């Protein structure tokens, strides 16, 4: 069902590309948790069974630390809107290689802090179950990289804010110590120099406070200035077992992210 037509998209190990068939999406009411994709995926698959294999829409799904970019790669039928959608990493709350449909990779998206009306389950059909498992592994890895980067940025911003606040306090203290003209110049510039502000640096308390906030965000997944992603993209996959599979490893490394949309002959 997958054509042998050559595609021209570039592939890199850093941002692996997976060539799959998009099955569609349905609304759901659970952002994460064991089995949350099972029923939505069944609904999507039931609708898919009425569609001939040749009419399934073939897409390239690129995974990077910012999210997933899904773009249609096959020629479109006249009047059909091309698939070109980007899913921000902070909006992906769950992903899974389906247990009953092992070649199906599904994920749930929503807006952090949004309502259940924003929750959708998406699904794609892979040529092999190992590719679906690799997609779960890669997305989890990219999320971890994105979240580590966010924490580093947040820590830098915290230190910068603390430094600015410390300098402001020091300046105010210096101004308060400058004698008034009415003092007759007593004790003013006796050594030929003006008082100088002490070296400003983030206090231990401010750094500890910032780290405590990061830990709180890490454990609760709450938003901070609208930029905090969910704590982790949950998955029902046995990651350790999948990681030991050489074929899964090959897909993760880009060795099997072929430019051909491969034949599904499993």
Protein backbone atom coordinates (compact mmCIF):
# COMPACT_ATOMS: atom_id res chain seq x y z
CA UNK A 1 0.00 0.00 0.00
CA UNK A 2 3.01 2.29 0.40
CA UNK A 3 4.20 3.45 -2.99
CA UNK A 4 7.80 3.22 -4.15
CA UNK A 5 7.82 6.80 -5.41
CA UNK A 6 11.01 8.62 -4.43
CA UNK A 7 10.71 11.58 -2.08
CA UNK A 8 13.12 14.51 -1.92
CA UNK A 9 12.99 15.32 1.80
CA UNK A 10 16.32 15.42 3.62
CA UNK A 11 16.92 13.13 6.56
CA UNK A 12 19.19 13.81 9.51
CA UNK A 13 19.81 11.70 12.63
CA UNK A 14 19.18 14.80 14.77
CA UNK A 15 15.68 15.37 13.39
CA UNK A 16 14.56 11.97 12.11
CA UNK A 17 11.85 11.83 9.47
CA UNK A 18 9.25 9.07 9.52
CA UNK A 19 7.27 8.34 6.36
CA UNK A 20 3.83 7.13 7.39
CA UNK A 21 0.13 7.30 6.47
CA UNK A 22 -2.04 9.74 8.38
CA UNK A 23 -5.21 8.03 9.58
CA UNK A 24 -6.92 11.08 11.05
CA UNK A 25 -7.94 12.45 14.43
CA UNK A 26 -10.84 12.32 16.88
CA UNK A 27 -11.75 14.28 19.99
CA UNK A 28 -10.92 12.71 23.32
CA UNK A 29 -11.43 13.60 26.98
CA UNK A 30 -8.22 12.21 28.52
CA UNK A 31 -4.90 14.00 28.04
CA UNK A 32 -2.79 11.13 29.34
CA UNK A 33 -2.77 7.97 31.43
CA UNK A 34 -2.66 4.27 30.70
CA UNK A 35 -4.99 3.27 27.88
CA UNK A 36 -6.01 6.85 27.04
CA UNK A 37 -5.33 6.36 23.33
CA UNK A 38 -6.96 2.91 23.03
CA UNK A 39 -10.57 3.91 22.35
CA UNK A 40 -9.80 6.97 20.21
CA UNK A 41 -7.41 4.89 18.10
CA UNK A 42 -10.07 2.21 17.61
CA UNK A 43 -12.46 4.89 16.33
CA UNK A 44 -9.86 6.22 13.94
CA UNK A 45 -9.03 2.71 12.72
CA UNK A 46 -12.70 1.84 12.21
CA UNK A 47 -13.08 4.88 9.96
CA UNK A 48 -9.88 3.96 8.15
CA UNK A 49 -11.14 0.47 7.23
CA UNK A 50 -13.59 2.03 4.79
CA UNK A 51 -10.76 3.80 2.94
CA UNK A 52 -8.79 1.92 0.26
CA UNK A 53 -5.08 1.63 0.98
CA UNK A 54 -4.20 3.61 -2.12
CA UNK A 55 -6.20 6.59 -0.84
CA UNK A 56 -4.47 6.84 2.53
CA UNK A 57 -2.63 10.15 2.79
CA UNK A 58 1.12 9.74 3.01
CA UNK A 59 3.01 12.18 5.18
CA UNK A 60 6.52 12.89 6.42
CA UNK A 61 6.58 13.35 10.18
CA UNK A 62 9.69 15.16 11.43
CA UNK A 63 10.44 15.10 15.16
CA UNK A 64 12.63 17.77 16.79
CA UNK A 65 12.92 19.40 20.25
CA UNK A 66 10.28 21.97 19.28
CA UNK A 67 7.65 19.43 18.26
CA UNK A 68 6.42 17.36 15.34
CA UNK A 69 5.94 18.63 11.81
CA UNK A 70 3.57 16.58 9.67
CA UNK A 71 3.58 17.36 5.95
CA UNK A 72 1.96 15.55 3.04
CA UNK A 73 4.45 14.13 0.54
CA UNK A 74 2.24 12.48 -2.08
CA UNK A 75 0.64 14.39 -4.98
CA UNK A 76 -2.73 15.71 -3.89
CA UNK A 77 -6.06 15.11 -5.53
CA UNK A 78 -7.53 18.24 -7.04
CA UNK A 79 -9.41 20.31 -4.47
CA UNK A 80 -7.83 18.56 -1.47
CA UNK A 81 -6.28 20.71 1.23
CA UNK A 82 -2.68 19.52 1.82
CA UNK A 83 -1.72 18.28 5.26
CA UNK A 84 0.83 20.63 6.80
CA UNK A 85 0.56 20.81 10.57
CA UNK A 86 2.97 21.48 13.42
CA UNK A 87 2.39 20.08 16.92
CA UNK A 88 4.29 22.00 19.60
CA UNK A 89 6.13 19.73 22.01
CA UNK A 90 4.42 21.35 25.02
CA UNK A 91 1.04 20.48 23.52
CA UNK A 92 1.75 16.74 23.22
CA UNK A 93 0.66 15.00 26.42
CA UNK A 94 0.80 11.32 25.45
CA UNK A 95 2.05 9.04 22.70
CA UNK A 96 1.78 5.30 22.17
CA UNK A 97 2.53 2.45 19.79
CA UNK A 98 -0.87 0.79 20.00
CA UNK A 99 -0.98 -2.66 21.61
CA UNK A 100 -3.80 -4.08 19.50
CA UNK A 101 -2.66 -2.28 16.34
CA UNK A 102 1.14 -2.40 16.78
CA UNK A 103 1.90 -0.57 13.52
CA UNK A 104 -0.18 2.43 14.60
CA UNK A 105 1.48 5.36 16.37
CA UNK A 106 -0.95 7.67 18.14
CA UNK A 107 -0.55 10.83 20.18
CA UNK A 108 -2.74 13.25 22.10
CA UNK A 109 -2.51 17.00 21.74
CA UNK A 110 -4.09 19.83 23.67
CA UNK A 111 -3.42 23.32 24.99
CA UNK A 112 -1.72 23.44 28.43
CA UNK A 113 -4.36 24.66 30.85
CA UNK A 114 -7.02 24.38 28.14
CA UNK A 115 -10.34 22.58 28.22
CA UNK A 116 -11.16 19.03 27.14
CA UNK A 117 -12.57 20.51 23.94
CA UNK A 118 -8.97 21.11 22.87
CA UNK A 119 -7.94 17.44 23.22
CA UNK A 120 -7.45 15.39 20.06
CA UNK A 121 -6.01 11.96 19.43
CA UNK A 122 -4.10 11.63 16.15
CA UNK A 123 -2.90 8.39 14.55
CA UNK A 124 -0.58 7.33 11.75
CA UNK A 125 0.02 3.93 10.19
CA UNK A 126 3.63 2.75 10.00
CA UNK A 127 5.04 0.06 7.73
CA UNK A 128 6.35 -1.89 10.73
CA UNK A 129 5.67 -2.01 14.45
CA UNK A 130 9.34 -1.24 15.13
CA UNK A 131 8.93 2.11 13.39
CA UNK A 132 5.94 2.96 15.61
CA UNK A 133 8.00 2.08 18.68
CA UNK A 134 10.93 4.15 17.42
CA UNK A 135 8.63 7.15 16.99
CA UNK A 136 7.61 6.88 20.64
CA UNK A 137 11.25 6.67 21.70
CA UNK A 138 12.34 9.62 19.56
CA UNK A 139 9.48 11.85 20.71
CA UNK A 140 10.25 11.04 24.36
CA UNK A 141 13.94 11.79 23.79
CA UNK A 142 13.20 15.09 22.05
CA UNK A 143 10.82 16.11 24.82
CA UNK A 144 13.51 15.48 27.43
CA UNK A 145 15.94 17.64 25.44
CA UNK A 146 13.37 20.43 25.11
CA UNK A 147 12.50 20.36 28.81
CA UNK A 148 16.17 20.43 29.87
CA UNK A 149 16.68 23.43 27.57
CA UNK A 150 13.65 25.19 29.06
CA UNK A 151 14.91 24.64 32.61
CA UNK A 152 18.31 26.07 31.69
CA UNK A 153 16.67 29.13 30.10
CA UNK A 154 14.42 29.59 33.13
CA UNK A 155 17.42 29.35 35.46
CA UNK A 156 19.32 31.96 33.43
CA UNK A 157 16.33 34.30 33.50
CA UNK A 158 16.04 33.82 37.25
CA UNK A 159 19.71 34.69 37.78
CA UNK A 160 19.41 37.71 35.46
CA UNK A 161 16.35 38.97 37.33
CA UNK A 162 18.04 38.45 40.70
CA UNK A 163 21.16 40.30 39.51
CA UNK A 164 19.08 43.27 38.32
CA UNK A 165 17.17 43.39 41.61
CA UNK A 166 20.39 43.18 43.64
CA UNK A 167 21.98 46.05 41.69
CA UNK A 168 18.89 48.20 42.19
CA UNK A 169 18.95 47.62 45.95
CA UNK A 170 22.67 48.44 46.13
CA UNK A 171 22.17 51.68 44.19
CA UNK A 172 19.36 52.77 46.51
CA UNK A 173 21.55 52.14 49.57
CA UNK A 174 24.40 54.21 48.10
CA UNK A 175 22.10 57.15 47.35
CA UNK A 176 20.82 57.10 50.93
CA UNK A 177 24.41 57.36 52.28
CA UNK A 178 25.35 60.48 50.21
CA UNK A 179 25.41 63.54 52.60
CA UNK A 180 23.11 66.46 51.88
CA UNK A 181 24.59 69.88 50.91
CA UNK A 182 23.31 71.35 54.20
CA UNK A 183 25.75 69.14 56.08
CA UNK A 184 28.50 71.57 55.13
CA UNK A 185 30.43 68.91 53.35
CA UNK A 186 31.24 67.09 56.57
CA UNK A 187 32.24 63.51 55.98
CA UNK A 188 31.78 64.19 52.28
CA UNK A 189 34.50 62.82 50.01
CA UNK A 190 37.08 62.84 52.80
CA UNK A 191 39.18 60.33 50.94
CA UNK A 192 38.59 61.98 47.58
CA UNK A 193 36.24 59.23 46.45
CA UNK A 194 32.56 58.51 46.58
CA UNK A 195 31.06 55.42 48.14
CA UNK A 196 30.85 52.59 45.67
CA UNK A 197 28.23 49.92 45.41
CA UNK A 198 29.24 46.44 46.48
CA UNK A 199 29.72 43.78 43.83
CA UNK A 200 26.24 42.64 42.85
CA UNK A 201 25.52 38.90 42.57
CA UNK A 202 22.47 36.74 42.90
CA UNK A 203 21.85 35.85 46.51
CA UNK A 204 21.83 32.22 47.56
CA UNK A 205 18.23 32.65 48.65
CA UNK A 206 17.14 33.93 45.22
CA UNK A 207 18.89 31.08 43.42
CA UNK A 208 17.37 28.53 45.78
CA UNK A 209 13.98 30.15 45.30
CA UNK A 210 14.35 29.96 41.53
CA UNK A 211 15.33 26.30 41.66
CA UNK A 212 12.41 25.58 43.96
CA UNK A 213 10.08 27.15 41.40
CA UNK A 214 11.62 25.01 38.68
CA UNK A 215 11.11 21.88 40.76
CA UNK A 216 7.51 22.89 41.41
CA UNK A 217 6.95 23.41 37.68
CA UNK A 218 8.69 20.11 36.99
CA UNK A 219 6.41 18.18 39.32
CA UNK A 220 3.15 19.92 38.50
CA UNK A 221 3.53 20.70 34.82
CA UNK A 222 2.04 24.15 35.47
CA UNK A 223 2.62 27.01 33.05
CA UNK A 224 5.04 29.83 33.73
CA UNK A 225 4.53 32.80 31.44
CA UNK A 226 2.83 30.38 29.08
CA UNK A 227 6.14 28.73 28.17
CA UNK A 228 6.34 25.68 30.40
CA UNK A 229 5.68 22.39 28.65
CA UNK A 230 4.03 19.49 30.40
CA UNK A 231 6.43 17.64 32.69
CA UNK A 232 6.89 14.69 30.38
CA UNK A 233 5.27 13.17 27.36
CA UNK A 234 3.82 10.01 28.84
CA UNK A 235 3.93 6.76 26.95
CA UNK A 236 2.61 3.28 27.52
CA UNK A 237 5.61 1.74 25.74
CA UNK A 238 8.07 -0.52 27.57
CA UNK A 239 10.97 1.76 26.70
CA UNK A 240 13.72 -0.53 28.01
CA UNK A 241 12.46 -3.48 26.02
CA UNK A 242 12.04 -1.42 22.86
CA UNK A 243 15.50 0.09 23.25
CA UNK A 244 17.06 -3.38 23.13
CA UNK A 245 15.48 -4.09 19.74
CA UNK A 246 18.11 -3.52 16.98
CA UNK A 247 15.45 -2.64 14.42
CA UNK A 248 13.96 0.02 16.70
CA UNK A 249 17.46 1.41 17.27
CA UNK A 250 18.03 1.56 13.51
CA UNK A 251 14.87 3.61 12.97
CA UNK A 252 15.84 5.95 15.82
CA UNK A 253 19.27 6.54 14.28
CA UNK A 254 17.76 7.37 10.92
CA UNK A 255 19.19 4.25 9.26
CA UNK A 256 15.73 3.17 8.15
CA UNK A 257 14.08 6.55 7.66
CA UNK A 258 14.11 5.82 3.95
CA UNK A 259 13.29 8.41 1.31
CA UNK A 260 11.01 5.85 -0.25
CA UNK A 261 7.62 5.43 1.35
CA UNK A 262 8.16 1.75 1.88
CA UNK A 263 5.97 -1.18 0.98
CA UNK A 264 3.88 -2.45 3.86
CA UNK A 265 4.39 -6.16 3.44
CA UNK A 266 4.29 -7.29 7.06
